[in-house]
Amino acid sequence: MIEHDFKHGEKHPVLVVLHQEHSTPGRIGRLLEARGHRLDIRRPRFGDPLPSSLHHHAGAIYFGGPMSASDSDDFVLREIDWIGTPLREGKPYLGICLGAQMLARHLGETIKSHPGGHVERGYYRIEPTAAGRALCKAAFPEHVYQWHREGFDLPRGATLLARGEVFPTQAFAYGEAAFGLQFHPDVTFAMLCKWTTKAEAQLRDPGAHPHEVHRAGWYQFDAAIDRWIGAFLDRWLASGVRQHGHARAA
């Protein structure tokens, strides 16, 4: 386990779990650092351990990856099981794409492909629920960036925050501090260009958008996503403070 010493008043780092050797936390990493949080980046796929507790962390974020949450690789199963740590401790957890699917699987859901073989790669319209619209100060984005081929039903006990037409469960909350987002608010323009170039063959899958539509969508939709994810992260980080205060009062 990697230990950290903190100066008085220093904010705890956020645990960042990545699934490829050269992947980054993108926009979300930049926004967290701007809020004074260091990033404790770990790649369990390549042997990094996960902490036994989040006592010294402000929260944990699982990002996306090319693997499936249904895979039986040891690191996938360990990551899914480890999600119980923030849930037990009331610490903020955020799962993005694969990370959302891992949370859903931890909660008992099956991760599955679309029955018609469709994927989502590009910008797609989603519909926030009343709970999603009330989640934070910024308006929930109506178009979000997607790159996935699997989805899941709403886990039992979870609250739906946004629904989609092709993959109905697009965002959900479990309790006060755990969230799953099927879409990618972490994506920067550089990441978008890299994905559409290096994985261009995947843009021929049913339902995927051509690379020029991805780029056009960035200019049309990203400003709203940027406003929302900043406000969401503030609410997400504050959920850990509220949970800790409730536990201390109890």
Foldseek 3Di string as FASTA:
>chain_A
DDDDDDDPPQAFAEEEEEADPPDDLAPVQVLVVVVRHDYNYDYVVVPGDDDPACPRHLYYEYEDDDDACPDPDPSSVVVLVCVVRCVVVQHAYEYEARGLRSPQVNLPKDKAFQPVQAAEAAKFAKAFDPCLCPQFDAGDFRIFGADDGIETDDRPQKAQGIQGDRHGRAKIGHPQHYIYGNGPLNDDPVNLVVCCVVVVVVCPGHPHDHSVRRNVVCVVGNVSSSVVVSRNVVSNSVSRVVSVVVVVVD
